[in-house]
Amino acid sequence: LERLIARSGLTEADAQRRIDSQMPIDEKAKRAHYVIDTSGS
C-alpha cells in the first residue's frame, strides 16, 4: 500500500481499491513455484 501510494499519488482508499481488485498476494504465493520476498533490502 505504501509503495503504491508513493509511486502513484493515489489516495489511500483509491490505492487499496486497486490492490483489492487483484487476487490476494498470499494466494498467488501459494500457487507459485518460487516466491521472491521483496520486503527486505
Full PDB file with SEQRES, HELIX, SHEET, SSBOND, CRYST1, ORIGX, SCALE, CONECT and MASTER records, all heavy atoms in Angstrom:
SEQRES   1 A   41  LEU GLU ARG LEU ILE ALA ARG SER GLY LEU THR GLU ALA          
SEQRES   2 A   41  ASP ALA GLN ARG ARG ILE ASP SER GLN MET PRO ILE ASP          
SEQRES   3 A   41  GLU LYS ALA LYS ARG ALA HIS TYR VAL ILE ASP THR SER          
SEQRES   4 A   41  GLY SER                                                      
HELIX    1 AA1 GLU A    2  SER A    8  1                                   7    
HELIX    2 AA2 GLU A   12  ASP A   20  1                                   9    
HELIX    3 AA3 ILE A   25  ARG A   31  1                                   7    
CRYST1    1.000    1.000    1.000  90.00  90.00  90.00 P 1           1          
ORIGX1      1.000000  0.000000  0.000000        0.00000                         
ORIGX2      0.000000  1.000000  0.000000        0.00000                         
ORIGX3      0.000000  0.000000  1.000000        0.00000                         
SCALE1      1.000000  0.000000  0.000000        0.00000                         
SCALE2      0.000000  1.000000  0.000000        0.00000                         
SCALE3      0.000000  0.000000  1.000000        0.00000                         
ATOM      1  N   LEU A   1       0.829  -1.202   0.000  1.00  0.00           N  
ATOM      2  CA  LEU A   1       0.000   0.000   0.000  1.00  0.00           C  
ATOM      3  C   LEU A   1       0.868   1.258   0.000  1.00  0.00           C  
ATOM      4  O   LEU A   1       0.630   2.195  -0.772  1.00  0.00           O  
ATOM      5  CB  LEU A   1      -0.918  -0.013   1.212  1.00  0.00           C  
ATOM      6  CG  LEU A   1      -1.891   1.172   1.344  1.00  0.00           C  
ATOM      7  CD1 LEU A   1      -2.821   1.233   0.138  1.00  0.00           C  
ATOM      8  CD2 LEU A   1      -2.686   1.062   2.649  1.00  0.00           C  
ATOM      9  N   GLU A   2       1.889   1.276   0.845  1.00  0.00           N  
ATOM     10  CA  GLU A   2       2.778   2.438   0.923  1.00  0.00           C  
ATOM     11  C   GLU A   2       3.486   2.682  -0.402  1.00  0.00           C  
ATOM     12  O   GLU A   2       3.605   3.823  -0.867  1.00  0.00           O  
ATOM     13  CB  GLU A   2       3.812   2.240   2.032  1.00  0.00           C  
ATOM     14  CG  GLU A   2       3.238   2.307   3.437  1.00  0.00           C  
ATOM     15  CD  GLU A   2       4.254   1.876   4.490  1.00  0.00           C  
ATOM     16  OE1 GLU A   2       5.414   1.597   4.107  1.00  0.00           O  
ATOM     17  OE2 GLU A   2       3.876   1.822   5.667  1.00  0.00           O  
ATOM     18  N   ARG A   3       3.967   1.615  -1.024  1.00  0.00           N  
ATOM     19  CA  ARG A   3       4.682   1.748  -2.295  1.00  0.00           C  
ATOM     20  C   ARG A   3       3.765   2.271  -3.392  1.00  0.00           C  
ATOM     21  O   ARG A   3       4.169   3.115  -4.200  1.00  0.00           O  
ATOM     22  CB  ARG A   3       5.272   0.394  -2.705  1.00  0.00           C  
ATOM     23  CG  ARG A   3       6.408  -0.085  -1.831  1.00  0.00           C  
ATOM     24  CD  ARG A   3       6.800  -1.511  -2.222  1.00  0.00           C  
ATOM     25  NE  ARG A   3       7.896  -2.017  -1.392  1.00  0.00           N  
ATOM     26  CZ  ARG A   3       8.381  -3.256  -1.478  1.00  0.00           C  
ATOM     27  NH1 ARG A   3       7.869  -4.094  -2.373  1.00  0.00           N  
ATOM     28  NH2 ARG A   3       9.363  -3.655  -0.697  1.00  0.00           N  
ATOM     29  N   LEU A   4       2.545   1.764  -3.434  1.00  0.00           N  
ATOM     30  CA  LEU A   4       1.618   2.190  -4.473  1.00  0.00           C  
ATOM     31  C   LEU A   4       1.261   3.661  -4.312  1.00  0.00           C  
ATOM     32  O   LEU A   4       1.231   4.415  -5.301  1.00  0.00           O  
ATOM     33  CB  LEU A   4       0.362   1.325  -4.447  1.00  0.00           C  
ATOM     34  CG  LEU A   4      -0.687   1.650  -5.508  1.00  0.00           C  
ATOM     35  CD1 LEU A   4      -0.078   1.620  -6.901  1.00  0.00           C  
ATOM     36  CD2 LEU A   4      -1.865   0.694  -5.407  1.00  0.00           C  
ATOM     37  N   ILE A   5       1.009   4.088  -3.090  1.00  0.00           N  
ATOM     38  CA  ILE A   5       0.687   5.497  -2.840  1.00  0.00           C  
ATOM     39  C   ILE A   5       1.867   6.382  -3.226  1.00  0.00           C  
ATOM     40  O   ILE A   5       1.709   7.427  -3.877  1.00  0.00           O  
ATOM     41  CB  ILE A   5       0.308   5.712  -1.362  1.00  0.00           C  
ATOM     42  CG1 ILE A   5      -1.025   5.034  -1.052  1.00  0.00           C  
ATOM     43  CG2 ILE A   5       0.228   7.209  -1.048  1.00  0.00           C  
ATOM     44  CD1 ILE A   5      -1.382   5.015   0.423  1.00  0.00           C  
ATOM     45  N   ALA A   6       3.081   5.956  -2.845  1.00  0.00           N  
ATOM     46  CA  ALA A   6       4.277   6.753  -3.113  1.00  0.00           C  
ATOM     47  C   ALA A   6       4.534   6.930  -4.601  1.00  0.00           C  
ATOM     48  O   ALA A   6       4.946   7.998  -5.055  1.00  0.00           O  
ATOM     49  CB  ALA A   6       5.491   6.116  -2.437  1.00  0.00           C  
ATOM     50  N   ARG A   7       4.295   5.897  -5.378  1.00  0.00           N  
ATOM     51  CA  ARG A   7       4.633   5.967  -6.801  1.00  0.00           C  
ATOM     52  C   ARG A   7       3.502   6.525  -7.659  1.00  0.00           C  
ATOM     53  O   ARG A   7       3.738   6.989  -8.771  1.00  0.00           O  
ATOM     54  CB  ARG A   7       5.042   4.592  -7.325  1.00  0.00           C  
ATOM     55  CG  ARG A   7       3.913   3.678  -7.723  1.00  0.00           C  
ATOM     56  CD  ARG A   7       4.420   2.357  -8.252  1.00  0.00           C  
ATOM     57  NE  ARG A   7       3.385   1.598  -8.927  1.00  0.00           N  
ATOM     58  CZ  ARG A   7       3.503   0.330  -9.276  1.00  0.00           C  
ATOM     59  NH1 ARG A   7       4.620  -0.320  -9.003  1.00  0.00           N  
ATOM     60  NH2 ARG A   7       2.530  -0.300  -9.898  1.00  0.00           N  
ATOM     61  N   SER A   8       2.270   6.486  -7.145  1.00  0.00           N  
ATOM     62  CA  SER A   8       1.124   6.877  -7.975  1.00  0.00           C  
ATOM     63  C   SER A   8       0.471   8.185  -7.554  1.00  0.00           C  
ATOM     64  O   SER A   8      -0.201   8.830  -8.362  1.00  0.00           O  
ATOM     65  CB  SER A   8       0.058   5.776  -7.935  1.00  0.00           C  
ATOM     66  OG  SER A   8      -0.497   5.669  -6.631  1.00  0.00           O  
ATOM     67  N   GLY A   9       0.646   8.556  -6.271  1.00  0.00           N  
ATOM     68  CA  GLY A   9      -0.032   9.741  -5.772  1.00  0.00           C  
ATOM     69  C   GLY A   9      -1.501   9.518  -5.482  1.00  0.00           C  
ATOM     70  O   GLY A   9      -2.239  10.469  -5.199  1.00  0.00           O  
ATOM     71  N   LEU A  10      -1.953   8.264  -5.519  1.00  0.00           N  
ATOM     72  CA  LEU A  10      -3.346   7.951  -5.224  1.00  0.00           C  
ATOM     73  C   LEU A  10      -3.641   8.169  -3.739  1.00  0.00           C  
ATOM     74  O   LEU A  10      -2.739   8.122  -2.900  1.00  0.00           O  
ATOM     75  CB  LEU A  10      -3.640   6.492  -5.575  1.00  0.00           C  
ATOM     76  CG  LEU A  10      -3.631   6.101  -7.051  1.00  0.00           C  
ATOM     77  CD1 LEU A  10      -3.660   4.583  -7.185  1.00  0.00           C  
ATOM     78  CD2 LEU A  10      -4.812   6.722  -7.789  1.00  0.00           C  
ATOM     79  N   THR A  11      -4.904   8.385  -3.417  1.00  0.00           N  
ATOM     80  CA  THR A  11      -5.298   8.402  -2.017  1.00  0.00           C  
ATOM     81  C   THR A  11      -5.195   6.982  -1.476  1.00  0.00           C  
ATOM     82  O   THR A  11      -5.151   6.001  -2.239  1.00  0.00           O  
ATOM     83  CB  THR A  11      -6.746   8.888  -1.854  1.00  0.00           C  
ATOM     84  OG1 THR A  11      -7.629   7.933  -2.474  1.00  0.00           O  
ATOM     85  CG2 THR A  11      -6.944  10.256  -2.497  1.00  0.00           C  
ATOM     86  N   GLU A  12      -5.164   6.851  -0.161  1.00  0.00           N  
ATOM     87  CA  GLU A  12      -5.076   5.518   0.432  1.00  0.00           C  
ATOM     88  C   GLU A  12      -6.262   4.660   0.016  1.00  0.00           C  
ATOM     89  O   GLU A  12      -6.101   3.469  -0.294  1.00  0.00           O  
ATOM     90  CB  GLU A  12      -5.009   5.626   1.955  1.00  0.00           C  
ATOM     91  CG  GLU A  12      -4.877   4.278   2.637  1.00  0.00           C  
ATOM     92  CD  GLU A  12      -4.668   4.385   4.142  1.00  0.00           C  
ATOM     93  OE1 GLU A  12      -4.239   5.467   4.608  1.00  0.00           O  
ATOM     94  OE2 GLU A  12      -4.932   3.394   4.841  1.00  0.00           O  
ATOM     95  N   ALA A  13      -7.458   5.261  -0.034  1.00  0.00           N  
ATOM     96  CA  ALA A  13      -8.651   4.499  -0.399  1.00  0.00           C  
ATOM     97  C   ALA A  13      -8.572   4.014  -1.841  1.00  0.00           C  
ATOM     98  O   ALA A  13      -8.893   2.853  -2.141  1.00  0.00           O  
ATOM     99  CB  ALA A  13      -9.898   5.357  -0.195  1.00  0.00           C  
ATOM    100  N   ASP A  14      -8.132   4.895  -2.751  1.00  0.00           N  
ATOM    101  CA  ASP A  14      -8.041   4.502  -4.158  1.00  0.00           C  
ATOM    102  C   ASP A  14      -6.953   3.457  -4.364  1.00  0.00           C  
ATOM    103  O   ASP A  14      -7.114   2.519  -5.159  1.00  0.00           O  
ATOM    104  CB  ASP A  14      -7.764   5.724  -5.032  1.00  0.00           C  
ATOM    105  CG  ASP A  14      -8.999   6.597  -5.223  1.00  0.00           C  
ATOM    106  OD1 ASP A  14     -10.116   6.096  -4.989  1.00  0.00           O  
ATOM    107  OD2 ASP A  14      -8.843   7.774  -5.597  1.00  0.00           O  
ATOM    108  N   ALA A  15      -5.839   3.623  -3.657  1.00  0.00           N  
ATOM    109  CA  ALA A  15      -4.754   2.646  -3.770  1.00  0.00           C  
ATOM    110  C   ALA A  15      -5.203   1.276  -3.270  1.00  0.00           C  
ATOM    111  O   ALA A  15      -4.928   0.249  -3.897  1.00  0.00           O  
ATOM    112  CB  ALA A  15      -3.533   3.128  -2.993  1.00  0.00           C  
ATOM    113  N   GLN A  16      -5.901   1.257  -2.150  1.00  0.00           N  
ATOM    114  CA  GLN A  16      -6.381  -0.017  -1.607  1.00  0.00           C  
ATOM    115  C   GLN A  16      -7.399  -0.658  -2.540  1.00  0.00           C  
ATOM    116  O   GLN A  16      -7.419  -1.885  -2.703  1.00  0.00           O  
ATOM    117  CB  GLN A  16      -7.000   0.197  -0.222  1.00  0.00           C  
ATOM    118  CG  GLN A  16      -7.312  -1.097   0.517  1.00  0.00           C  
ATOM    119  CD  GLN A  16      -6.061  -1.898   0.806  1.00  0.00           C  
ATOM    120  OE1 GLN A  16      -5.135  -1.410   1.461  1.00  0.00           O  
ATOM    121  NE2 GLN A  16      -6.014  -3.136   0.347  1.00  0.00           N  
ATOM    122  N   ARG A  17      -8.203   0.168  -3.184  1.00  0.00           N  
ATOM    123  CA  ARG A  17      -9.195  -0.362  -4.129  1.00  0.00           C  
ATOM    124  C   ARG A  17      -8.503  -1.071  -5.282  1.00  0.00           C  
ATOM    125  O   ARG A  17      -8.948  -2.133  -5.730  1.00  0.00           O  
ATOM    126  CB  ARG A  17     -10.078   0.779  -4.642  1.00  0.00           C  
ATOM    127  CG  ARG A  17     -11.253   0.318  -5.485  1.00  0.00           C  
ATOM    128  CD  ARG A  17     -12.163   1.469  -5.884  1.00  0.00           C  
ATOM    129  NE  ARG A  17     -12.727   2.122  -4.705  1.00  0.00           N  
ATOM    130  CZ  ARG A  17     -12.436   3.371  -4.322  1.00  0.00           C  
ATOM    131  NH1 ARG A  17     -11.584   4.097  -5.004  1.00  0.00           N  
ATOM    132  NH2 ARG A  17     -12.990   3.874  -3.247  1.00  0.00           N  
ATOM    133  N   ARG A  18      -7.403  -0.520  -5.757  1.00  0.00           N  
ATOM    134  CA  ARG A  18      -6.675  -1.151  -6.866  1.00  0.00           C  
ATOM    135  C   ARG A  18      -6.009  -2.449  -6.405  1.00  0.00           C  
ATOM    136  O   ARG A  18      -5.987  -3.425  -7.154  1.00  0.00           O  
ATOM    137  CB  ARG A  18      -5.639  -0.180  -7.432  1.00  0.00           C  
ATOM    138  CG  ARG A  18      -6.277   1.035  -8.064  1.00  0.00           C  
ATOM    139  CD  ARG A  18      -5.374   1.788  -8.982  1.00  0.00           C  
ATOM    140  NE  ARG A  18      -6.063   2.960  -9.510  1.00  0.00           N  
ATOM    141  CZ  ARG A  18      -5.593   3.741 -10.463  1.00  0.00           C  
ATOM    142  NH1 ARG A  18      -4.413   3.472 -11.010  1.00  0.00           N  
ATOM    143  NH2 ARG A  18      -6.278   4.781 -10.898  1.00  0.00           N  
ATOM    144  N   ILE A  19      -5.498  -2.453  -5.200  1.00  0.00           N  
ATOM    145  CA  ILE A  19      -4.915  -3.691  -4.667  1.00  0.00           C  
ATOM    146  C   ILE A  19      -5.991  -4.764  -4.522  1.00  0.00           C  
ATOM    147  O   ILE A  19      -5.782  -5.927  -4.874  1.00  0.00           O  
ATOM    148  CB  ILE A  19      -4.232  -3.409  -3.312  1.00  0.00           C  
ATOM    149  CG1 ILE A  19      -2.980  -2.547  -3.514  1.00  0.00           C  
ATOM    150  CG2 ILE A  19      -3.867  -4.720  -2.607  1.00  0.00           C  
ATOM    151  CD1 ILE A  19      -2.347  -2.052  -2.229  1.00  0.00           C  
ATOM    152  N   ASP A  20      -7.147  -4.355  -4.016  1.00  0.00           N  
ATOM    153  CA  ASP A  20      -8.228  -5.307  -3.779  1.00  0.00           C  
ATOM    154  C   ASP A  20      -8.826  -5.850  -5.068  1.00  0.00           C  
ATOM    155  O   ASP A  20      -9.517  -6.877  -5.047  1.00  0.00           O  
ATOM    156  CB  ASP A  20      -9.328  -4.653  -2.938  1.00  0.00           C  
ATOM    157  CG  ASP A  20      -8.893  -4.364  -1.511  1.00  0.00           C  
ATOM    158  OD1 ASP A  20      -7.880  -4.947  -1.076  1.00  0.00           O  
ATOM    159  OD2 ASP A  20      -9.546  -3.532  -0.849  1.00  0.00           O  
ATOM    160  N   SER A  21      -8.581  -5.187  -6.189  1.00  0.00           N  
ATOM    161  CA  SER A  21      -9.115  -5.666  -7.465  1.00  0.00           C  
ATOM    162  C   SER A  21      -8.355  -6.887  -7.966  1.00  0.00           C  
ATOM    163  O   SER A  21      -8.810  -7.555  -8.904  1.00  0.00           O  
ATOM    164  CB  SER A  21      -9.060  -4.560  -8.527  1.00  0.00           C  
ATOM    165  OG  SER A  21      -7.729  -4.319  -8.958  1.00  0.00           O  
ATOM    166  N   GLN A  22      -7.191  -7.173  -7.350  1.00  0.00           N  
ATOM    167  CA  GLN A  22      -6.379  -8.317  -7.748  1.00  0.00           C  
ATOM    168  C   GLN A  22      -6.494  -9.444  -6.723  1.00  0.00           C  
ATOM    169  O   GLN A  22      -6.941  -9.236  -5.596  1.00  0.00           O  
ATOM    170  CB  GLN A  22      -4.908  -7.901  -7.884  1.00  0.00           C  
ATOM    171  CG  GLN A  22      -4.668  -6.827  -8.927  1.00  0.00           C  
ATOM    172  CD  GLN A  22      -3.205  -6.479  -9.063  1.00  0.00           C  
ATOM    173  OE1 GLN A  22      -2.368  -6.858  -8.248  1.00  0.00           O  
ATOM    174  NE2 GLN A  22      -2.886  -5.746 -10.120  1.00  0.00           N  
ATOM    175  N   MET A  23      -6.074 -10.631  -7.144  1.00  0.00           N  
ATOM    176  CA  MET A  23      -6.036 -11.763  -6.224  1.00  0.00           C  
ATOM    177  C   MET A  23      -5.082 -11.440  -5.071  1.00  0.00           C  
ATOM    178  O   MET A  23      -4.016 -10.857  -5.289  1.00  0.00           O  
ATOM    179  CB  MET A  23      -5.550 -13.015  -6.975  1.00  0.00           C  
ATOM    180  CG  MET A  23      -5.475 -14.273  -6.114  1.00  0.00           C  
ATOM    181  SD  MET A  23      -4.793 -15.682  -7.034  1.00  0.00           S  
ATOM    182  CE  MET A  23      -6.104 -15.965  -8.219  1.00  0.00           C  
ATOM    183  N   PRO A  24      -5.422 -11.795  -3.835  1.00  0.00           N  
ATOM    184  CA  PRO A  24      -4.522 -11.529  -2.704  1.00  0.00           C  
ATOM    185  C   PRO A  24      -3.142 -12.126  -2.946  1.00  0.00           C  
ATOM    186  O   PRO A  24      -3.010 -13.237  -3.466  1.00  0.00           O  
ATOM    187  CB  PRO A  24      -5.233 -12.206  -1.521  1.00  0.00           C  
ATOM    188  CG  PRO A  24      -6.678 -12.212  -1.905  1.00  0.00           C  
ATOM    189  CD  PRO A  24      -6.692 -12.415  -3.394  1.00  0.00           C  
ATOM    190  N   ILE A  25      -2.123 -11.374  -2.553  1.00  0.00           N  
ATOM    191  CA  ILE A  25      -0.752 -11.806  -2.836  1.00  0.00           C  
ATOM    192  C   ILE A  25      -0.420 -13.118  -2.132  1.00  0.00           C  
ATOM    193  O   ILE A  25       0.344 -13.944  -2.662  1.00  0.00           O  
ATOM    194  CB  ILE A  25       0.247 -10.698  -2.449  1.00  0.00           C  
ATOM    195  CG1 ILE A  25       1.623 -10.994  -3.043  1.00  0.00           C  
ATOM    196  CG2 ILE A  25       0.299 -10.486  -0.970  1.00  0.00           C  
ATOM    197  CD1 ILE A  25       1.651 -11.005  -4.535  1.00  0.00           C  
ATOM    198  N   ASP A  26      -0.988 -13.365  -0.961  1.00  0.00           N  
ATOM    199  CA  ASP A  26      -0.736 -14.631  -0.264  1.00  0.00           C  
ATOM    200  C   ASP A  26      -1.238 -15.819  -1.084  1.00  0.00           C  
ATOM    201  O   ASP A  26      -0.597 -16.878  -1.104  1.00  0.00           O  
ATOM    202  CB  ASP A  26      -1.416 -14.635   1.111  1.00  0.00           C  
ATOM    203  CG  ASP A  26      -0.692 -13.753   2.107  1.00  0.00           C  
ATOM    204  OD1 ASP A  26       0.436 -13.308   1.803  1.00  0.00           O  
ATOM    205  OD2 ASP A  26      -1.254 -13.513   3.190  1.00  0.00           O  
ATOM    206  N   GLU A  27      -2.364 -15.646  -1.747  1.00  0.00           N  
ATOM    207  CA  GLU A  27      -2.913 -16.718  -2.576  1.00  0.00           C  
ATOM    208  C   GLU A  27      -2.017 -16.956  -3.793  1.00  0.00           C  
ATOM    209  O   GLU A  27      -1.780 -18.111  -4.186  1.00  0.00           O  
ATOM    210  CB  GLU A  27      -4.334 -16.362  -3.031  1.00  0.00           C  
ATOM    211  CG  GLU A  27      -4.995 -17.416  -3.907  1.00  0.00           C  
ATOM    212  CD  GLU A  27      -5.138 -18.768  -3.241  1.00  0.00           C  
ATOM    213  OE1 GLU A  27      -5.234 -18.815  -1.986  1.00  0.00           O  
ATOM    214  OE2 GLU A  27      -5.157 -19.784  -3.963  1.00  0.00           O  
ATOM    215  N   LYS A  28      -1.507 -15.881  -4.385  1.00  0.00           N  
ATOM    216  CA  LYS A  28      -0.594 -16.046  -5.514  1.00  0.00           C  
ATOM    217  C   LYS A  28       0.670 -16.788  -5.080  1.00  0.00           C  
ATOM    218  O   LYS A  28       1.169 -17.663  -5.802  1.00  0.00           O  
ATOM    219  CB  LYS A  28      -0.231 -14.684  -6.107  1.00  0.00           C  
ATOM    220  CG  LYS A  28      -1.393 -13.976  -6.770  1.00  0.00           C  
ATOM    221  CD  LYS A  28      -0.954 -12.689  -7.442  1.00  0.00           C  
ATOM    222  CE  LYS A  28      -2.131 -12.017  -8.133  1.00  0.00           C  
ATOM    223  NZ  LYS A  28      -1.738 -10.821  -8.893  1.00  0.00           N  
ATOM    224  N   ALA A  29       1.175 -16.446  -3.903  1.00  0.00           N  
ATOM    225  CA  ALA A  29       2.394 -17.094  -3.407  1.00  0.00           C  
ATOM    226  C   ALA A  29       2.184 -18.592  -3.225  1.00  0.00           C  
ATOM    227  O   ALA A  29       3.075 -19.402  -3.507  1.00  0.00           O  
ATOM    228  CB  ALA A  29       2.841 -16.443  -2.106  1.00  0.00           C  
ATOM    229  N   LYS A  30       0.999 -18.985  -2.767  1.00  0.00           N  
ATOM    230  CA  LYS A  30       0.711 -20.403  -2.570  1.00  0.00           C  
ATOM    231  C   LYS A  30       0.728 -21.180  -3.887  1.00  0.00           C  
ATOM    232  O   LYS A  30       1.016 -22.373  -3.901  1.00  0.00           O  
ATOM    233  CB  LYS A  30      -0.665 -20.569  -1.907  1.00  0.00           C  
ATOM    234  CG  LYS A  30      -0.722 -20.101  -0.464  1.00  0.00           C  
ATOM    235  CD  LYS A  30      -2.136 -20.230   0.076  1.00  0.00           C  
ATOM    236  CE  LYS A  30      -2.239 -19.702   1.495  1.00  0.00           C  
ATOM    237  NZ  LYS A  30      -3.633 -19.765   2.003  1.00  0.00           N  
ATOM    238  N   ARG A  31       0.413 -20.505  -4.980  1.00  0.00           N  
ATOM    239  CA  ARG A  31       0.309 -21.178  -6.278  1.00  0.00           C  
ATOM    240  C   ARG A  31       1.627 -21.160  -7.060  1.00  0.00           C  
ATOM    241  O   ARG A  31       1.700 -21.729  -8.151  1.00  0.00           O  
ATOM    242  CB  ARG A  31      -0.782 -20.503  -7.116  1.00  0.00           C  
ATOM    243  CG  ARG A  31      -2.157 -20.540  -6.478  1.00  0.00           C  
ATOM    244  CD  ARG A  31      -3.195 -19.982  -7.436  1.00  0.00           C  
ATOM    245  NE  ARG A  31      -4.522 -19.944  -6.830  1.00  0.00           N  
ATOM    246  CZ  ARG A  31      -5.634 -19.748  -7.525  1.00  0.00           C  
ATOM    247  NH1 ARG A  31      -5.588 -19.582  -8.832  1.00  0.00           N  
ATOM    248  NH2 ARG A  31      -6.806 -19.708  -6.905  1.00  0.00           N  
ATOM    249  N   ALA A  32       2.631 -20.488  -6.540  1.00  0.00           N  
ATOM    250  CA  ALA A  32       3.877 -20.288  -7.282  1.00  0.00           C  
ATOM    251  C   ALA A  32       4.850 -21.443  -7.090  1.00  0.00           C  
ATOM    252  O   ALA A  32       4.794 -22.181  -6.111  1.00  0.00           O  
ATOM    253  CB  ALA A  32       4.541 -18.995  -6.824  1.00  0.00           C  
ATOM    254  N   HIS A  33       5.764 -21.589  -8.053  1.00  0.00           N  
ATOM    255  CA  HIS A  33       6.891 -22.492  -7.894  1.00  0.00           C  
ATOM    256  C   HIS A  33       7.963 -21.836  -7.016  1.00  0.00           C  
ATOM    257  O   HIS A  33       8.614 -22.510  -6.220  1.00  0.00           O  
ATOM    258  CB  HIS A  33       7.503 -22.834  -9.254  1.00  0.00           C  
ATOM    259  CG  HIS A  33       6.607 -23.648 -10.139  1.00  0.00           C  
ATOM    260  ND1 HIS A  33       5.676 -23.081 -10.978  1.00  0.00           N  
ATOM    261  CD2 HIS A  33       6.517 -24.993 -10.315  1.00  0.00           C  
ATOM    262  CE1 HIS A  33       5.040 -24.035 -11.638  1.00  0.00           C  
ATOM    263  NE2 HIS A  33       5.527 -25.205 -11.258  1.00  0.00           N  
ATOM    264  N   TYR A  34       8.138 -20.526  -7.199  1.00  0.00           N  
ATOM    265  CA  TYR A  34       9.138 -19.774  -6.436  1.00  0.00           C  
ATOM    266  C   TYR A  34       8.531 -18.448  -6.005  1.00  0.00           C  
ATOM    267  O   TYR A  34       7.727 -17.858  -6.738  1.00  0.00           O  
ATOM    268  CB  TYR A  34      10.384 -19.476  -7.280  1.00  0.00           C  
ATOM    269  CG  TYR A  34      11.072 -20.698  -7.841  1.00  0.00           C  
ATOM    270  CD1 TYR A  34      10.925 -21.043  -9.185  1.00  0.00           C  
ATOM    271  CD2 TYR A  34      11.877 -21.509  -7.039  1.00  0.00           C  
ATOM    272  CE1 TYR A  34      11.547 -22.158  -9.714  1.00  0.00           C  
ATOM    273  CE2 TYR A  34      12.501 -22.628  -7.561  1.00  0.00           C  
ATOM    274  CZ  TYR A  34      12.337 -22.955  -8.897  1.00  0.00           C  
ATOM    275  OH  TYR A  34      12.957 -24.067  -9.406  1.00  0.00           O  
ATOM    276  N   VAL A  35       8.932 -17.986  -4.817  1.00  0.00           N  
ATOM    277  CA  VAL A  35       8.479 -16.696  -4.297  1.00  0.00           C  
ATOM    278  C   VAL A  35       9.694 -15.839  -3.975  1.00  0.00           C  
ATOM    279  O   VAL A  35      10.634 -16.303  -3.319  1.00  0.00           O  
ATOM    280  CB  VAL A  35       7.602 -16.860  -3.036  1.00  0.00           C  
ATOM    281  CG1 VAL A  35       7.214 -15.483  -2.480  1.00  0.00           C  
ATOM    282  CG2 VAL A  35       6.353 -17.684  -3.348  1.00  0.00           C  
ATOM    283  N   ILE A  36       9.676 -14.593  -4.435  1.00  0.00           N  
ATOM    284  CA  ILE A  36      10.705 -13.620  -4.094  1.00  0.00           C  
ATOM    285  C   ILE A  36      10.101 -12.661  -3.085  1.00  0.00           C  
ATOM    286  O   ILE A  36       9.157 -11.927  -3.398  1.00  0.00           O  
ATOM    287  CB  ILE A  36      11.188 -12.842  -5.333  1.00  0.00           C  
ATOM    288  CG1 ILE A  36      11.740 -13.799  -6.391  1.00  0.00           C  
ATOM    289  CG2 ILE A  36      12.251 -11.819  -4.942  1.00  0.00           C  
ATOM    290  CD1 ILE A  36      12.022 -13.127  -7.723  1.00  0.00           C  
ATOM    291  N   ASP A  37      10.631 -12.660  -1.873  1.00  0.00           N  
ATOM    292  CA  ASP A  37      10.158 -11.764  -0.824  1.00  0.00           C  
ATOM    293  C   ASP A  37      10.881 -10.428  -0.981  1.00  0.00           C  
ATOM    294  O   ASP A  37      12.068 -10.323  -0.706  1.00  0.00           O  
ATOM    295  CB  ASP A  37      10.439 -12.371   0.548  1.00  0.00           C  
ATOM    296  CG  ASP A  37       9.941 -11.502   1.698  1.00  0.00           C  
ATOM    297  OD1 ASP A  37       9.400 -10.403   1.424  1.00  0.00           O  
ATOM    298  OD2 ASP A  37      10.103 -11.902   2.860  1.00  0.00           O  
ATOM    299  N   THR A  38      10.152  -9.407  -1.435  1.00  0.00           N  
ATOM    300  CA  THR A  38      10.756  -8.092  -1.670  1.00  0.00           C  
ATOM    301  C   THR A  38      10.580  -7.149  -0.480  1.00  0.00           C  
ATOM    302  O   THR A  38      10.753  -5.944  -0.605  1.00  0.00           O  
ATOM    303  CB  THR A  38      10.149  -7.438  -2.921  1.00  0.00           C  
ATOM    304  OG1 THR A  38       8.758  -7.150  -2.678  1.00  0.00           O  
ATOM    305  CG2 THR A  38      10.283  -8.339  -4.139  1.00  0.00           C  
ATOM    306  N   SER A  39      10.245  -7.717   0.682  1.00  0.00           N  
ATOM    307  CA  SER A  39      10.019  -6.883   1.864  1.00  0.00           C  
ATOM    308  C   SER A  39      11.301  -6.296   2.436  1.00  0.00           C  
ATOM    309  O   SER A  39      11.267  -5.278   3.138  1.00  0.00           O  
ATOM    310  CB  SER A  39       9.328  -7.703   2.965  1.00  0.00           C  
ATOM    311  OG  SER A  39       8.097  -8.206   2.538  1.00  0.00           O  
ATOM    312  N   GLY A  40      12.428  -6.949   2.153  1.00  0.00           N  
ATOM    313  CA  GLY A  40      13.692  -6.517   2.741  1.00  0.00           C  
ATOM    314  C   GLY A  40      14.463  -5.557   1.854  1.00  0.00           C  
ATOM    315  O   GLY A  40      13.890  -4.800   1.063  1.00  0.00           O  
ATOM    316  N   SER A  41      15.783  -5.620   1.964  1.00  0.00           N  
ATOM    317  CA  SER A  41      16.650  -4.715   1.216  1.00  0.00           C  
ATOM    318  C   SER A  41      16.768  -5.160  -0.243  1.00  0.00           C  
ATOM    319  O   SER A  41      16.424  -6.295  -0.597  1.00  0.00           O  
ATOM    320  CB  SER A  41      18.040  -4.691   1.845  1.00  0.00           C  
ATOM    321  OG  SER A  41      18.671  -5.963   1.707  1.00  0.00           O  
TER     322      SER A  41                                                      
MASTER        0    0    0    3    0    0    0    6  321    1    0    4          
END                                                                             
